[in-house]
Amino acid sequence: MNVQVKLKDIIEELEIQFEESQSFLNIKTGEIIFVTSNDLRAAEDDEPFDHLPDWQQENLRGANDVVENFENYIELPTKYDVNEYEMMEDFCLTVSDLRKQNTLLLEIKGKGAFRRFKDKIIVFEIEDQWYLYRDERFKQIAKEWCQDNNVNYIE
């Protein structure tokens, strides 16, 4: 692939993933496009959309391009590929204070784990460490994805 993509752009897409959505890299243009599952379904059904608001028409044009020219796109990792829970757990294991480490590991068990984790890292005053760790992990995921898909990137 001759197009170069900014690693920062890929990372930003990885950070905003949510259920019922996908992000794709257009290997011809280097553009990253975000589409919802509903937009992809509408594009596959080939329903007219000129009656919709401009923003929705733009979304559907992008989804249509993905459907019609799928060979020009590579899907970025999904939120499940990124697995932010595992990222939190791995971060907990990097905390050198064993009392804090054990507390964090307990906080990330069960429903509400993300909220409890974020509350506790603020209390422990290690919020900056977490965000540096998280940023580095996202960067590593993006680099590995680029390498696996032969995508040229610039930092």
N, C-alpha and C. Protein backbone atom coordinates (compact mmCIF):
# COMPACT_ATOMS: atom_id res chain seq x y z
N MET A 1 0.84 -1.18 0.00
CA MET A 1 0.00 0.00 0.00
C MET A 1 0.88 1.24 0.00
N ASN A 2 0.66 2.14 -0.92
CA ASN A 2 1.49 3.34 -1.05
C ASN A 2 1.05 4.48 -0.16
N VAL A 3 -0.21 4.49 0.23
CA VAL A 3 -0.73 5.57 1.05
C VAL A 3 -0.17 5.44 2.47
N GLN A 4 0.19 6.59 3.05
CA GLN A 4 0.63 6.59 4.44
C GLN A 4 -0.49 7.12 5.31
N VAL A 5 -0.67 6.48 6.45
CA VAL A 5 -1.72 6.84 7.38
C VAL A 5 -1.07 7.34 8.67
N LYS A 6 -1.65 8.36 9.25
CA LYS A 6 -1.15 8.85 10.53
C LYS A 6 -1.55 7.87 11.62
N LEU A 7 -0.56 7.41 12.36
CA LEU A 7 -0.83 6.48 13.45
C LEU A 7 -1.83 7.08 14.44
N LYS A 8 -1.73 8.37 14.65
CA LYS A 8 -2.62 9.09 15.56
C LYS A 8 -4.09 8.93 15.14
N ASP A 9 -4.34 8.95 13.83
CA ASP A 9 -5.71 8.81 13.33
C ASP A 9 -6.26 7.41 13.63
N ILE A 10 -5.42 6.41 13.48
CA ILE A 10 -5.84 5.03 13.78
C ILE A 10 -6.13 4.90 15.27
N ILE A 11 -5.24 5.44 16.08
CA ILE A 11 -5.41 5.36 17.54
C ILE A 11 -6.71 6.02 17.96
N GLU A 12 -7.00 7.19 17.40
CA GLU A 12 -8.24 7.89 17.75
C GLU A 12 -9.46 7.04 17.42
N GLU A 13 -9.43 6.35 16.30
CA GLU A 13 -10.55 5.47 15.94
C GLU A 13 -10.67 4.31 16.89
N LEU A 14 -9.53 3.76 17.30
CA LEU A 14 -9.57 2.63 18.24
C LEU A 14 -10.18 3.05 19.57
N GLU A 15 -9.93 4.27 19.97
CA GLU A 15 -10.41 4.75 21.27
C GLU A 15 -11.90 5.01 21.30
N ILE A 16 -12.53 5.22 20.14
CA ILE A 16 -13.96 5.54 20.13
C ILE A 16 -14.85 4.39 19.68
N GLN A 17 -14.29 3.21 19.57
CA GLN A 17 -15.09 2.07 19.13
C GLN A 17 -16.23 1.80 20.11
N PHE A 18 -17.36 1.42 19.58
CA PHE A 18 -18.46 0.97 20.42
C PHE A 18 -19.24 -0.11 19.68
N GLU A 19 -20.11 -0.78 20.41
CA GLU A 19 -20.89 -1.85 19.79
C GLU A 19 -21.70 -1.31 18.64
N GLU A 20 -21.95 -2.18 17.69
CA GLU A 20 -22.75 -1.84 16.52
C GLU A 20 -22.08 -0.79 15.63
N SER A 21 -20.75 -0.76 15.64
CA SER A 21 -20.03 0.15 14.75
C SER A 21 -18.74 -0.52 14.27
N GLN A 22 -18.23 -0.01 13.17
CA GLN A 22 -16.97 -0.49 12.63
C GLN A 22 -16.24 0.69 12.02
N SER A 23 -14.92 0.60 12.02
CA SER A 23 -14.10 1.59 11.34
C SER A 23 -13.28 0.87 10.28
N PHE A 24 -13.13 1.53 9.14
CA PHE A 24 -12.41 0.96 8.03
C PHE A 24 -11.38 1.95 7.51
N LEU A 25 -10.27 1.42 7.02
CA LEU A 25 -9.27 2.21 6.35
C LEU A 25 -9.43 2.00 4.86
N ASN A 26 -9.58 3.09 4.12
CA ASN A 26 -9.60 3.01 2.67
C ASN A 26 -8.15 2.96 2.21
N ILE A 27 -7.73 1.84 1.65
CA ILE A 27 -6.32 1.66 1.28
C ILE A 27 -5.93 2.45 0.04
N LYS A 28 -6.90 2.99 -0.67
CA LYS A 28 -6.61 3.83 -1.85
C LYS A 28 -6.38 5.28 -1.45
N THR A 29 -7.16 5.76 -0.47
CA THR A 29 -7.09 7.18 -0.10
C THR A 29 -6.42 7.44 1.24
N GLY A 30 -6.35 6.42 2.09
CA GLY A 30 -5.82 6.59 3.44
C GLY A 30 -6.85 7.14 4.41
N GLU A 31 -8.07 7.34 3.93
CA GLU A 31 -9.13 7.86 4.79
C GLU A 31 -9.67 6.76 5.70
N ILE A 32 -9.96 7.14 6.93
CA ILE A 32 -10.58 6.21 7.87
C ILE A 32 -12.05 6.60 7.97
N ILE A 33 -12.89 5.60 7.83
CA ILE A 33 -14.33 5.85 7.85
C ILE A 33 -14.96 5.04 8.98
N PHE A 34 -15.86 5.69 9.69
CA PHE A 34 -16.59 5.10 10.81
C PHE A 34 -18.03 4.89 10.35
N VAL A 35 -18.52 3.67 10.49
CA VAL A 35 -19.90 3.38 10.08
C VAL A 35 -20.60 2.56 11.15
N THR A 36 -21.88 2.77 11.27
CA THR A 36 -22.67 1.96 12.19
C THR A 36 -23.20 0.74 11.45
N SER A 37 -23.58 -0.25 12.20
CA SER A 37 -24.16 -1.46 11.60
C SER A 37 -25.45 -1.12 10.86
N ASN A 38 -26.22 -0.18 11.41
CA ASN A 38 -27.47 0.23 10.74
C ASN A 38 -27.17 0.84 9.38
N ASP A 39 -26.13 1.69 9.29
CA ASP A 39 -25.77 2.30 8.01
C ASP A 39 -25.33 1.24 7.01
N LEU A 40 -24.56 0.26 7.47
CA LEU A 40 -24.13 -0.82 6.57
C LEU A 40 -25.32 -1.63 6.07
N ARG A 41 -26.27 -1.92 6.97
CA ARG A 41 -27.47 -2.67 6.56
C ARG A 41 -28.27 -1.87 5.52
N ALA A 42 -28.41 -0.57 5.77
CA ALA A 42 -29.15 0.28 4.82
C ALA A 42 -28.43 0.31 3.48
N ALA A 43 -27.11 0.36 3.50
CA ALA A 43 -26.34 0.38 2.25
C ALA A 43 -26.51 -0.95 1.50
N GLU A 44 -26.52 -2.04 2.21
CA GLU A 44 -26.69 -3.35 1.58
C GLU A 44 -28.10 -3.51 1.00
N ASP A 45 -29.08 -2.87 1.65
CA ASP A 45 -30.47 -2.94 1.15
C ASP A 45 -30.70 -2.00 -0.02
N ASP A 46 -29.74 -1.09 -0.23
CA ASP A 46 -29.78 -0.16 -1.36
C ASP A 46 -31.05 0.69 -1.37
N GLU A 47 -31.45 1.14 -0.20
CA GLU A 47 -32.64 1.99 -0.09
C GLU A 47 -32.27 3.44 -0.39
N PRO A 48 -33.17 4.21 -1.00
CA PRO A 48 -32.88 5.62 -1.25
C PRO A 48 -32.77 6.39 0.07
N PHE A 49 -31.88 7.39 0.10
CA PHE A 49 -31.70 8.13 1.34
C PHE A 49 -31.62 9.64 1.13
N ASP A 50 -32.02 10.09 -0.07
CA ASP A 50 -31.93 11.53 -0.35
C ASP A 50 -32.92 12.36 0.46
N HIS A 51 -33.88 11.74 1.12
CA HIS A 51 -34.85 12.45 1.95
C HIS A 51 -34.33 12.67 3.39
N LEU A 52 -33.19 12.07 3.70
CA LEU A 52 -32.63 12.14 5.06
C LEU A 52 -31.82 13.42 5.26
N PRO A 53 -31.57 13.80 6.52
CA PRO A 53 -30.73 14.98 6.79
C PRO A 53 -29.33 14.79 6.20
N ASP A 54 -28.65 15.91 5.92
CA ASP A 54 -27.33 15.88 5.27
C ASP A 54 -26.33 14.99 6.00
N TRP A 55 -26.28 15.09 7.34
CA TRP A 55 -25.31 14.30 8.08
C TRP A 55 -25.54 12.81 7.90
N GLN A 56 -26.82 12.42 7.83
CA GLN A 56 -27.14 11.00 7.67
C GLN A 56 -26.86 10.54 6.24
N GLN A 57 -27.09 11.42 5.29
CA GLN A 57 -26.76 11.09 3.90
C GLN A 57 -25.27 10.87 3.75
N GLU A 58 -24.48 11.70 4.41
CA GLU A 58 -23.02 11.55 4.35
C GLU A 58 -22.59 10.20 4.94
N ASN A 59 -23.17 9.85 6.07
CA ASN A 59 -22.87 8.55 6.69
C ASN A 59 -23.22 7.40 5.75
N LEU A 60 -24.37 7.50 5.12
CA LEU A 60 -24.81 6.42 4.23
C LEU A 60 -23.99 6.36 2.95
N ARG A 61 -23.51 7.52 2.46
CA ARG A 61 -22.61 7.50 1.30
C ARG A 61 -21.33 6.74 1.64
N GLY A 62 -20.81 6.99 2.84
CA GLY A 62 -19.61 6.26 3.28
C GLY A 62 -19.87 4.77 3.39
N ALA A 63 -20.99 4.40 4.00
CA ALA A 63 -21.35 2.99 4.14
C ALA A 63 -21.55 2.35 2.77
N ASN A 64 -22.17 3.08 1.84
CA ASN A 64 -22.35 2.56 0.48
C ASN A 64 -21.00 2.29 -0.18
N ASP A 65 -20.06 3.19 0.02
CA ASP A 65 -18.74 3.00 -0.59
C ASP A 65 -18.07 1.76 -0.02
N VAL A 66 -18.21 1.55 1.28
CA VAL A 66 -17.63 0.36 1.90
C VAL A 66 -18.25 -0.90 1.29
N VAL A 67 -19.57 -0.90 1.14
CA VAL A 67 -20.27 -2.07 0.59
C VAL A 67 -19.91 -2.29 -0.88
N GLU A 68 -19.91 -1.22 -1.66
CA GLU A 68 -19.68 -1.35 -3.11
C GLU A 68 -18.22 -1.58 -3.47
N ASN A 69 -17.31 -1.11 -2.64
CA ASN A 69 -15.87 -1.21 -2.94
C ASN A 69 -15.13 -1.86 -1.78
N PHE A 70 -15.67 -2.94 -1.28
CA PHE A 70 -15.14 -3.57 -0.08
C PHE A 70 -13.66 -3.93 -0.21
N GLU A 71 -13.22 -4.23 -1.42
CA GLU A 71 -11.82 -4.60 -1.64
C GLU A 71 -10.86 -3.43 -1.36
N ASN A 72 -11.39 -2.22 -1.28
CA ASN A 72 -10.56 -1.03 -1.00
C ASN A 72 -10.47 -0.73 0.49
N TYR A 73 -11.07 -1.55 1.32
CA TYR A 73 -11.13 -1.27 2.75
C TYR A 73 -10.55 -2.40 3.59
N ILE A 74 -9.95 -2.01 4.70
CA ILE A 74 -9.51 -2.95 5.72
C ILE A 74 -10.16 -2.52 7.02
N GLU A 75 -10.79 -3.47 7.70
CA GLU A 75 -11.44 -3.14 8.98
C GLU A 75 -10.39 -2.94 10.07
N LEU A 76 -10.54 -1.87 10.82
CA LEU A 76 -9.68 -1.64 11.98
C LEU A 76 -10.10 -2.57 13.11
N PRO A 77 -9.22 -2.78 14.08
CA PRO A 77 -9.60 -3.61 15.22
C PRO A 77 -10.87 -3.08 15.89
N THR A 78 -11.70 -3.99 16.34
CA THR A 78 -12.94 -3.61 17.03
C THR A 78 -12.65 -3.42 18.52
N LYS A 79 -13.64 -2.97 19.24
CA LYS A 79 -13.47 -2.81 20.69
C LYS A 79 -13.16 -4.14 21.36
N TYR A 80 -13.61 -5.24 20.75
CA TYR A 80 -13.33 -6.57 21.31
C TYR A 80 -11.88 -6.98 21.05
N ASP A 81 -11.36 -6.55 19.91
CA ASP A 81 -9.95 -6.81 19.61
C ASP A 81 -9.04 -6.03 20.56
N VAL A 82 -9.46 -4.82 20.89
CA VAL A 82 -8.67 -3.95 21.76
C VAL A 82 -8.72 -4.45 23.20
N ASN A 83 -9.88 -4.82 23.68
CA ASN A 83 -10.08 -5.39 25.02
C ASN A 83 -9.52 -4.49 26.13
N GLU A 84 -10.22 -3.41 26.36
CA GLU A 84 -9.76 -2.45 27.37
C GLU A 84 -9.80 -3.02 28.79
N TYR A 85 -10.64 -4.00 29.03
CA TYR A 85 -10.64 -4.64 30.35
C TYR A 85 -9.29 -5.31 30.61
N GLU A 86 -8.82 -6.06 29.62
CA GLU A 86 -7.51 -6.72 29.75
C GLU A 86 -6.40 -5.67 29.95
N MET A 87 -6.56 -4.55 29.28
CA MET A 87 -5.60 -3.46 29.42
C MET A 87 -5.57 -2.96 30.87
N MET A 88 -6.75 -2.80 31.46
CA MET A 88 -6.82 -2.37 32.87
C MET A 88 -6.16 -3.40 33.78
N GLU A 89 -6.47 -4.65 33.54
CA GLU A 89 -5.91 -5.71 34.37
C GLU A 89 -4.38 -5.74 34.26
N ASP A 90 -3.87 -5.62 33.05
CA ASP A 90 -2.42 -5.58 32.86
C ASP A 90 -1.79 -4.38 33.56
N PHE A 91 -2.49 -3.24 33.50
CA PHE A 91 -1.98 -2.05 34.18
C PHE A 91 -1.88 -2.30 35.69
N CYS A 92 -2.92 -2.91 36.24
CA CYS A 92 -2.92 -3.20 37.69
C CYS A 92 -1.66 -3.96 38.08
N LEU A 93 -1.25 -4.87 37.25
CA LEU A 93 -0.08 -5.70 37.55
C LEU A 93 1.24 -4.92 37.46
N THR A 94 1.19 -3.72 36.87
CA THR A 94 2.40 -2.89 36.80
C THR A 94 2.56 -2.01 38.03
N VAL A 95 1.52 -1.90 38.85
CA VAL A 95 1.57 -1.05 40.04
C VAL A 95 2.47 -1.72 41.07
N SER A 96 3.52 -1.01 41.47
CA SER A 96 4.54 -1.63 42.34
C SER A 96 4.09 -1.75 43.80
N ASP A 97 3.23 -0.87 44.27
CA ASP A 97 2.71 -0.95 45.62
C ASP A 97 1.70 -2.10 45.66
N LEU A 98 2.06 -3.19 46.34
CA LEU A 98 1.21 -4.39 46.33
C LEU A 98 -0.17 -4.16 46.93
N ARG A 99 -0.28 -3.30 47.92
CA ARG A 99 -1.59 -3.01 48.50
C ARG A 99 -2.48 -2.35 47.44
N LYS A 100 -1.93 -1.37 46.73
CA LYS A 100 -2.70 -0.70 45.67
C LYS A 100 -3.01 -1.67 44.54
N GLN A 101 -2.04 -2.48 44.19
CA GLN A 101 -2.23 -3.44 43.11
C GLN A 101 -3.37 -4.39 43.43
N ASN A 102 -3.36 -4.96 44.64
CA ASN A 102 -4.41 -5.90 45.03
C ASN A 102 -5.78 -5.23 45.10
N THR A 103 -5.81 -4.00 45.60
CA THR A 103 -7.07 -3.26 45.66
C THR A 103 -7.61 -3.03 44.26
N LEU A 104 -6.74 -2.61 43.35
CA LEU A 104 -7.18 -2.38 41.96
C LEU A 104 -7.69 -3.67 41.32
N LEU A 105 -6.99 -4.75 41.55
CA LEU A 105 -7.43 -6.03 40.98
C LEU A 105 -8.79 -6.45 41.50
N LEU A 106 -9.07 -6.15 42.77
CA LEU A 106 -10.40 -6.43 43.33
C LEU A 106 -11.46 -5.50 42.73
N GLU A 107 -11.09 -4.25 42.51
CA GLU A 107 -12.04 -3.26 41.99
C GLU A 107 -12.50 -3.56 40.56
N ILE A 108 -11.69 -4.28 39.80
CA ILE A 108 -12.06 -4.52 38.41
C ILE A 108 -12.84 -5.82 38.21
N LYS A 109 -13.28 -6.41 39.29
CA LYS A 109 -14.09 -7.62 39.19
C LYS A 109 -15.57 -7.27 39.18
N GLY A 110 -16.30 -7.84 38.25
CA GLY A 110 -17.75 -7.69 38.23
C GLY A 110 -18.26 -6.43 37.55
N LYS A 111 -19.56 -6.27 37.66
CA LYS A 111 -20.25 -5.14 37.03
C LYS A 111 -19.77 -3.83 37.64
N GLY A 112 -19.58 -2.83 36.79
CA GLY A 112 -19.13 -1.52 37.25
C GLY A 112 -17.63 -1.41 37.40
N ALA A 113 -16.90 -2.38 36.84
CA ALA A 113 -15.45 -2.43 37.00
C ALA A 113 -14.76 -1.18 36.47
N PHE A 114 -15.18 -0.68 35.33
CA PHE A 114 -14.52 0.48 34.74
C PHE A 114 -14.66 1.72 35.63
N ARG A 115 -15.86 1.94 36.14
CA ARG A 115 -16.10 3.09 37.01
C ARG A 115 -15.29 2.98 38.29
N ARG A 116 -15.34 1.82 38.93
CA ARG A 116 -14.59 1.63 40.18
C ARG A 116 -13.09 1.79 39.96
N PHE A 117 -12.60 1.25 38.85
CA PHE A 117 -11.18 1.37 38.52
C PHE A 117 -10.80 2.85 38.38
N LYS A 118 -11.56 3.57 37.62
CA LYS A 118 -11.24 4.99 37.40
C LYS A 118 -11.32 5.79 38.71
N ASP A 119 -12.30 5.49 39.53
CA ASP A 119 -12.39 6.16 40.84
C ASP A 119 -11.16 5.87 41.69
N LYS A 120 -10.74 4.61 41.69
CA LYS A 120 -9.62 4.19 42.55
C LYS A 120 -8.28 4.75 42.06
N ILE A 121 -8.07 4.84 40.75
CA ILE A 121 -6.79 5.39 40.29
C ILE A 121 -6.68 6.88 40.61
N ILE A 122 -7.83 7.54 40.72
CA ILE A 122 -7.82 8.95 41.15
C ILE A 122 -7.44 9.03 42.62
N VAL A 123 -8.06 8.18 43.43
CA VAL A 123 -7.76 8.14 44.87
C VAL A 123 -6.27 7.82 45.09
N PHE A 124 -5.76 6.87 44.34
CA PHE A 124 -4.35 6.46 44.48
C PHE A 124 -3.38 7.43 43.80
N GLU A 125 -3.92 8.42 43.13
CA GLU A 125 -3.13 9.44 42.41
C GLU A 125 -2.20 8.80 41.38
N ILE A 126 -2.73 7.83 40.65
CA ILE A 126 -1.97 7.20 39.57
C ILE A 126 -2.72 7.30 38.24
N GLU A 127 -3.62 8.25 38.17
CA GLU A 127 -4.41 8.46 36.96
C GLU A 127 -3.51 8.75 35.76
N ASP A 128 -2.50 9.61 35.94
CA ASP A 128 -1.59 9.93 34.84
C ASP A 128 -0.85 8.69 34.36
N GLN A 129 -0.44 7.85 35.30
CA GLN A 129 0.26 6.61 34.93
C GLN A 129 -0.65 5.73 34.07
N TRP A 130 -1.91 5.64 34.48
CA TRP A 130 -2.86 4.84 33.72
C TRP A 130 -3.00 5.35 32.29
N TYR A 131 -3.19 6.65 32.14
CA TYR A 131 -3.40 7.19 30.79
C TYR A 131 -2.16 7.07 29.93
N LEU A 132 -0.98 7.19 30.51
CA LEU A 132 0.25 6.96 29.75
C LEU A 132 0.33 5.50 29.31
N TYR A 133 0.02 4.60 30.23
CA TYR A 133 0.04 3.17 29.93
C TYR A 133 -0.98 2.84 28.83
N ARG A 134 -2.19 3.35 28.98
CA ARG A 134 -3.27 3.12 28.03
C ARG A 134 -2.90 3.66 26.65
N ASP A 135 -2.36 4.87 26.61
CA ASP A 135 -1.95 5.47 25.34
C ASP A 135 -0.90 4.61 24.64
N GLU A 136 0.04 4.11 25.42
CA GLU A 136 1.10 3.28 24.85
C GLU A 136 0.53 1.96 24.32
N ARG A 137 -0.42 1.39 25.02
CA ARG A 137 -1.04 0.15 24.56
C ARG A 137 -1.82 0.36 23.26
N PHE A 138 -2.57 1.47 23.19
CA PHE A 138 -3.29 1.77 21.96
C PHE A 138 -2.31 1.97 20.80
N LYS A 139 -1.22 2.63 21.08
CA LYS A 139 -0.20 2.85 20.05
C LYS A 139 0.36 1.53 19.57
N GLN A 140 0.63 0.62 20.49
CA GLN A 140 1.17 -0.69 20.13
C GLN A 140 0.16 -1.49 19.31
N ILE A 141 -1.10 -1.47 19.70
CA ILE A 141 -2.15 -2.17 18.95
C ILE A 141 -2.23 -1.62 17.53
N ALA A 142 -2.18 -0.30 17.40
CA ALA A 142 -2.26 0.34 16.09
C ALA A 142 -1.06 -0.04 15.23
N LYS A 143 0.13 -0.02 15.80
CA LYS A 143 1.34 -0.39 15.05
C LYS A 143 1.27 -1.85 14.58
N GLU A 144 0.87 -2.74 15.48
CA GLU A 144 0.78 -4.16 15.12
C GLU A 144 -0.25 -4.38 14.01
N TRP A 145 -1.37 -3.65 14.11
CA TRP A 145 -2.40 -3.77 13.08
C TRP A 145 -1.84 -3.30 11.73
N CYS A 146 -1.13 -2.19 11.74
CA CYS A 146 -0.54 -1.68 10.50
C CYS A 146 0.44 -2.70 9.91
N GLN A 147 1.29 -3.25 10.75
CA GLN A 147 2.26 -4.24 10.28
C GLN A 147 1.56 -5.48 9.74
N ASP A 148 0.55 -5.96 10.44
CA ASP A 148 -0.17 -7.16 10.02
C ASP A 148 -0.90 -6.95 8.68
N ASN A 149 -1.28 -5.70 8.40
CA ASN A 149 -2.06 -5.40 7.19
C ASN A 149 -1.25 -4.65 6.14
N ASN A 150 0.07 -4.61 6.32
CA ASN A 150 0.96 -3.92 5.37
C ASN A 150 0.54 -2.48 5.11
N VAL A 151 0.19 -1.79 6.18
CA VAL A 151 -0.21 -0.39 6.10
C VAL A 151 0.98 0.47 6.51
N ASN A 152 1.36 1.38 5.63
CA ASN A 152 2.44 2.32 5.95
C ASN A 152 1.89 3.41 6.86
N TYR A 153 2.59 3.68 7.93
CA TYR A 153 2.12 4.72 8.86
C TYR A 153 3.24 5.68 9.19
N ILE A 154 2.81 6.86 9.61
CA ILE A 154 3.75 7.87 10.12
C ILE A 154 3.31 8.23 11.52
N GLU A 155 4.30 8.44 12.37
CA GLU A 155 3.98 8.75 13.77
C GLU A 155 3.72 10.22 13.97
